[in-house]
């Protein structure tokens, strides 16, 4: 399916009805694949959920989905991209648990049918939970990326150092 999306974009034959549905289906598959990844699950458990940016970081490392974000950001306006990815996240069971305003990135719990809330968020007392340690502004997140280290890179290196 990813190759079909790539071929459609490269050919310039974008169908305004059919191809956005293909793009949303691919997003759903990617979001589920991320949620099923053991390292990504540990990231979610250790940091009180994941951000959309972390989901896209995971996708960029996936052999299957690595081109998705770049293709769709070029195809859609930023607001359309954000709205459609949020819809796809909700459709597969991600639940917004905190943030999303005043420069704080929104955090999402992984789909409960993949990883129970009790395992993901053992310290969460309410839906409004937000870890002060994990709250980063878009500017701070951008600085981390400019340094060549993503949140997932940092998390993986911390895991490796503990083992």
C-alpha atoms as a PDB file:
ATOM      1  CA  UNK A   1       0.000   0.000   0.000  1.00  0.00           C
ATOM      2  CA  UNK A   2       2.845   2.382   0.768  1.00  0.00           C
ATOM      3  CA  UNK A   3       4.303   1.752  -2.684  1.00  0.00           C
ATOM      4  CA  UNK A   4       0.879   2.458  -4.177  1.00  0.00           C
ATOM      5  CA  UNK A   5       0.819   5.837  -2.398  1.00  0.00           C
ATOM      6  CA  UNK A   6       4.348   6.621  -3.592  1.00  0.00           C
ATOM      7  CA  UNK A   7       3.455   5.655  -7.187  1.00  0.00           C
ATOM      8  CA  UNK A   8       0.287   7.770  -7.092  1.00  0.00           C
ATOM      9  CA  UNK A   9       2.139  10.844  -5.867  1.00  0.00           C
ATOM     10  CA  UNK A  10       5.004  10.387  -8.342  1.00  0.00           C
ATOM     11  CA  UNK A  11       2.593   9.955 -11.284  1.00  0.00           C
ATOM     12  CA  UNK A  12       0.683  13.098 -10.368  1.00  0.00           C
ATOM     13  CA  UNK A  13      -2.627  11.222 -10.580  1.00  0.00           C
ATOM     14  CA  UNK A  14      -3.912  12.119  -7.101  1.00  0.00           C
ATOM     15  CA  UNK A  15      -7.587  11.212  -6.786  1.00  0.00           C
ATOM     16  CA  UNK A  16      -9.142  13.621  -4.256  1.00  0.00           C
ATOM     17  CA  UNK A  17     -11.589  10.997  -2.989  1.00  0.00           C
ATOM     18  CA  UNK A  18      -9.765   7.673  -3.150  1.00  0.00           C
ATOM     19  CA  UNK A  19      -6.173   8.642  -2.321  1.00  0.00           C
ATOM     20  CA  UNK A  20      -6.834  10.449   0.993  1.00  0.00           C
ATOM     21  CA  UNK A  21      -8.580   7.243   2.102  1.00  0.00           C
ATOM     22  CA  UNK A  22      -5.453   5.274   1.148  1.00  0.00           C
ATOM     23  CA  UNK A  23      -3.323   7.772   3.095  1.00  0.00           C
ATOM     24  CA  UNK A  24      -5.532   7.437   6.190  1.00  0.00           C
ATOM     25  CA  UNK A  25      -5.457   3.631   5.945  1.00  0.00           C
ATOM     26  CA  UNK A  26      -1.651   3.735   5.812  1.00  0.00           C
ATOM     27  CA  UNK A  27      -1.543   6.096   8.799  1.00  0.00           C
ATOM     28  CA  UNK A  28      -3.746   3.703  10.774  1.00  0.00           C
ATOM     29  CA  UNK A  29      -1.525   0.745   9.901  1.00  0.00           C
ATOM     30  CA  UNK A  30       1.588   2.697  10.846  1.00  0.00           C
ATOM     31  CA  UNK A  31       0.093   3.860  14.152  1.00  0.00           C
ATOM     32  CA  UNK A  32      -0.885   0.282  15.015  1.00  0.00           C
ATOM     33  CA  UNK A  33       2.558  -1.008  14.030  1.00  0.00           C
ATOM     34  CA  UNK A  34       4.147   1.592  16.325  1.00  0.00           C
ATOM     35  CA  UNK A  35       1.828   0.617  19.180  1.00  0.00           C
ATOM     36  CA  UNK A  36       2.800  -3.046  18.732  1.00  0.00           C
ATOM     37  CA  UNK A  37       6.527  -2.276  18.864  1.00  0.00           C
ATOM     38  CA  UNK A  38       8.003  -3.296  22.250  1.00  0.00           C
ATOM     39  CA  UNK A  39      10.454  -0.365  22.416  1.00  0.00           C
ATOM     40  CA  UNK A  40       7.673   2.077  21.602  1.00  0.00           C
ATOM     41  CA  UNK A  41       5.491   0.522  24.312  1.00  0.00           C
ATOM     42  CA  UNK A  42       8.305   0.999  26.839  1.00  0.00           C
ATOM     43  CA  UNK A  43       8.643   4.630  25.740  1.00  0.00           C
ATOM     44  CA  UNK A  44       4.927   5.132  26.349  1.00  0.00           C
ATOM     45  CA  UNK A  45       5.029   3.411  29.734  1.00  0.00           C
ATOM     46  CA  UNK A  46       8.088   5.337  30.931  1.00  0.00           C
ATOM     47  CA  UNK A  47       7.004   8.762  29.740  1.00  0.00           C
ATOM     48  CA  UNK A  48       3.279   8.884  30.436  1.00  0.00           C
ATOM     49  CA  UNK A  49       2.145   8.318  26.865  1.00  0.00           C
ATOM     50  CA  UNK A  50       3.585   9.369  23.530  1.00  0.00           C
ATOM     51  CA  UNK A  51       3.374  12.474  21.373  1.00  0.00           C
ATOM     52  CA  UNK A  52       2.401  12.517  17.704  1.00  0.00           C
ATOM     53  CA  UNK A  53       5.967  13.598  17.031  1.00  0.00           C
ATOM     54  CA  UNK A  54       7.238  10.418  18.682  1.00  0.00           C
ATOM     55  CA  UNK A  55       4.864   8.340  16.559  1.00  0.00           C
ATOM     56  CA  UNK A  56       6.244  10.025  13.431  1.00  0.00           C
ATOM     57  CA  UNK A  57       9.809   9.492  14.671  1.00  0.00           C
ATOM     58  CA  UNK A  58       9.008   5.785  14.914  1.00  0.00           C
ATOM     59  CA  UNK A  59       7.505   5.831  11.413  1.00  0.00           C
ATOM     60  CA  UNK A  60      10.585   7.553   9.978  1.00  0.00           C
ATOM     61  CA  UNK A  61      12.671   4.604  11.186  1.00  0.00           C
ATOM     62  CA  UNK A  62      10.308   2.016   9.755  1.00  0.00           C
ATOM     63  CA  UNK A  63      11.339   0.490   6.444  1.00  0.00           C
ATOM     64  CA  UNK A  64       7.679   0.380   5.463  1.00  0.00           C
ATOM     65  CA  UNK A  65       6.410   3.803   6.560  1.00  0.00           C
ATOM     66  CA  UNK A  66       9.481   6.046   6.513  1.00  0.00           C
ATOM     67  CA  UNK A  67       8.297   8.188   3.572  1.00  0.00           C
ATOM     68  CA  UNK A  68       4.726   8.663   4.763  1.00  0.00           C
ATOM     69  CA  UNK A  69       5.078  11.897   6.729  1.00  0.00           C
ATOM     70  CA  UNK A  70       7.146  13.641   4.067  1.00  0.00           C
ATOM     71  CA  UNK A  71       4.721  12.661   1.295  1.00  0.00           C
ATOM     72  CA  UNK A  72       1.590  13.677   3.164  1.00  0.00           C
ATOM     73  CA  UNK A  73       2.988  16.959   4.498  1.00  0.00           C
ATOM     74  CA  UNK A  74       3.811  17.875   0.899  1.00  0.00           C
ATOM     75  CA  UNK A  75       0.334  16.838  -0.272  1.00  0.00           C
ATOM     76  CA  UNK A  76      -1.814  18.389   2.476  1.00  0.00           C
ATOM     77  CA  UNK A  77      -1.867  21.710   4.304  1.00  0.00           C
ATOM     78  CA  UNK A  78      -0.532  21.566   7.873  1.00  0.00           C
ATOM     79  CA  UNK A  79      -4.016  21.796   9.386  1.00  0.00           C
ATOM     80  CA  UNK A  80      -5.338  19.026   7.115  1.00  0.00           C
ATOM     81  CA  UNK A  81      -2.329  16.856   7.977  1.00  0.00           C
ATOM     82  CA  UNK A  82      -2.848  17.409  11.725  1.00  0.00           C
ATOM     83  CA  UNK A  83      -6.609  16.779  11.553  1.00  0.00           C
ATOM     84  CA  UNK A  84      -6.325  13.619   9.469  1.00  0.00           C
ATOM     85  CA  UNK A  85      -3.555  12.150  11.592  1.00  0.00           C
ATOM     86  CA  UNK A  86      -5.535  12.912  14.766  1.00  0.00           C
ATOM     87  CA  UNK A  87      -8.552  11.154  13.236  1.00  0.00           C
ATOM     88  CA  UNK A  88      -6.408   8.126  12.353  1.00  0.00           C
ATOM     89  CA  UNK A  89      -4.915   8.019  15.875  1.00  0.00           C
ATOM     90  CA  UNK A  90      -8.407   8.061  17.405  1.00  0.00           C
ATOM     91  CA  UNK A  91      -9.738   5.487  14.949  1.00  0.00           C
ATOM     92  CA  UNK A  92      -7.134   2.905  15.990  1.00  0.00           C
ATOM     93  CA  UNK A  93      -7.571   3.557  19.706  1.00  0.00           C
ATOM     94  CA  UNK A  94      -4.965   6.111  20.815  1.00  0.00           C
ATOM     95  CA  UNK A  95      -6.444   8.270  23.579  1.00  0.00           C
ATOM     96  CA  UNK A  96      -5.387  11.837  24.318  1.00  0.00           C
ATOM     97  CA  UNK A  97      -4.393  11.976  27.979  1.00  0.00           C
ATOM     98  CA  UNK A  98      -2.741  15.369  28.440  1.00  0.00           C
ATOM     99  CA  UNK A  99      -1.396  18.563  26.957  1.00  0.00           C
ATOM    100  CA  UNK A 100      -1.993  20.087  23.599  1.00  0.00           C
ATOM    101  CA  UNK A 101      -2.075  23.728  24.625  1.00  0.00           C
ATOM    102  CA  UNK A 102       0.220  26.570  25.646  1.00  0.00           C
ATOM    103  CA  UNK A 103       3.272  25.052  23.975  1.00  0.00           C
ATOM    104  CA  UNK A 104       2.842  21.654  25.676  1.00  0.00           C
ATOM    105  CA  UNK A 105       2.807  18.681  23.336  1.00  0.00           C
ATOM    106  CA  UNK A 106      -0.272  16.474  23.626  1.00  0.00           C
ATOM    107  CA  UNK A 107       0.360  12.971  24.956  1.00  0.00           C
ATOM    108  CA  UNK A 108      -1.544   9.895  23.900  1.00  0.00           C
ATOM    109  CA  UNK A 109      -2.032   6.493  25.490  1.00  0.00           C
ATOM    110  CA  UNK A 110      -1.546   3.575  23.116  1.00  0.00           C
ATOM    111  CA  UNK A 111      -4.628   1.579  22.094  1.00  0.00           C
ATOM    112  CA  UNK A 112      -5.874  -0.306  25.147  1.00  0.00           C
ATOM    113  CA  UNK A 113      -6.458  -3.512  23.187  1.00  0.00           C
ATOM    114  CA  UNK A 114      -2.682  -3.560  22.535  1.00  0.00           C
ATOM    115  CA  UNK A 115      -1.425  -2.415  25.948  1.00  0.00           C
ATOM    116  CA  UNK A 116      -3.683  -1.965  28.983  1.00  0.00           C
ATOM    117  CA  UNK A 117      -3.942   1.478  30.586  1.00  0.00           C
ATOM    118  CA  UNK A 118      -2.783  -0.008  33.891  1.00  0.00           C
ATOM    119  CA  UNK A 119       0.518  -1.053  32.322  1.00  0.00           C
ATOM    120  CA  UNK A 120       0.925   2.165  30.345  1.00  0.00           C
ATOM    121  CA  UNK A 121      -0.009   4.721  32.911  1.00  0.00           C
ATOM    122  CA  UNK A 122       0.302   3.269  36.407  1.00  0.00           C
ATOM    123  CA  UNK A 123       0.759   6.684  38.024  1.00  0.00           C
ATOM    124  CA  UNK A 124      -2.031   8.471  36.200  1.00  0.00           C
ATOM    125  CA  UNK A 125      -4.737   9.525  38.614  1.00  0.00           C
ATOM    126  CA  UNK A 126      -6.848  11.478  36.138  1.00  0.00           C
ATOM    127  CA  UNK A 127      -7.310  12.175  32.448  1.00  0.00           C
ATOM    128  CA  UNK A 128      -5.581  15.539  32.995  1.00  0.00           C
ATOM    129  CA  UNK A 129      -2.274  13.976  34.064  1.00  0.00           C
ATOM    130  CA  UNK A 130       0.869  15.557  32.709  1.00  0.00           C
ATOM    131  CA  UNK A 131       4.352  14.802  33.902  1.00  0.00           C
ATOM    132  CA  UNK A 132       6.318  17.988  34.506  1.00  0.00           C
ATOM    133  CA  UNK A 133       9.476  16.118  33.510  1.00  0.00           C
ATOM    134  CA  UNK A 134       8.032  15.194  30.137  1.00  0.00           C
ATOM    135  CA  UNK A 135       6.450  18.528  29.199  1.00  0.00           C
ATOM    136  CA  UNK A 136       8.505  20.082  26.430  1.00  0.00           C
ATOM    137  CA  UNK A 137       7.695  22.989  24.218  1.00  0.00           C
ATOM    138  CA  UNK A 138       7.762  22.734  20.439  1.00  0.00           C
ATOM    139  CA  UNK A 139      10.896  24.911  20.550  1.00  0.00           C
ATOM    140  CA  UNK A 140      12.696  22.538  22.944  1.00  0.00           C
ATOM    141  CA  UNK A 141      11.656  19.552  20.807  1.00  0.00           C
ATOM    142  CA  UNK A 142      12.976  21.344  17.734  1.00  0.00           C
ATOM    143  CA  UNK A 143      16.306  22.038  19.498  1.00  0.00           C
ATOM    144  CA  UNK A 144      16.662  18.327  20.330  1.00  0.00           C
ATOM    145  CA  UNK A 145      16.041  17.421  16.683  1.00  0.00           C
ATOM    146  CA  UNK A 146      18.570  20.004  15.484  1.00  0.00           C
ATOM    147  CA  UNK A 147      21.153  18.342  17.707  1.00  0.00           C
ATOM    148  CA  UNK A 148      20.426  15.128  15.826  1.00  0.00           C
ATOM    149  CA  UNK A 149      18.891  13.365  18.809  1.00  0.00           C
ATOM    150  CA  UNK A 150      15.196  12.652  18.918  1.00  0.00           C
ATOM    151  CA  UNK A 151      13.188  11.725  21.995  1.00  0.00           C
ATOM    152  CA  UNK A 152      13.194   8.133  20.802  1.00  0.00           C
ATOM    153  CA  UNK A 153      17.011   8.224  20.355  1.00  0.00           C
ATOM    154  CA  UNK A 154      17.437   9.447  23.908  1.00  0.00           C
ATOM    155  CA  UNK A 155      15.031   6.851  25.274  1.00  0.00           C
ATOM    156  CA  UNK A 156      16.713   3.985  23.381  1.00  0.00           C
ATOM    157  CA  UNK A 157      20.168   5.054  24.556  1.00  0.00           C
ATOM    158  CA  UNK A 158      18.888   5.220  28.169  1.00  0.00           C
ATOM    159  CA  UNK A 159      17.453   1.720  27.821  1.00  0.00           C
ATOM    160  CA  UNK A 160      20.730   0.419  26.390  1.00  0.00           C
ATOM    161  CA  UNK A 161      22.754   1.982  29.191  1.00  0.00           C
ATOM    162  CA  UNK A 162      20.566   0.277  31.808  1.00  0.00           C
ATOM    163  CA  UNK A 163      21.088  -3.178  30.327  1.00  0.00           C
END
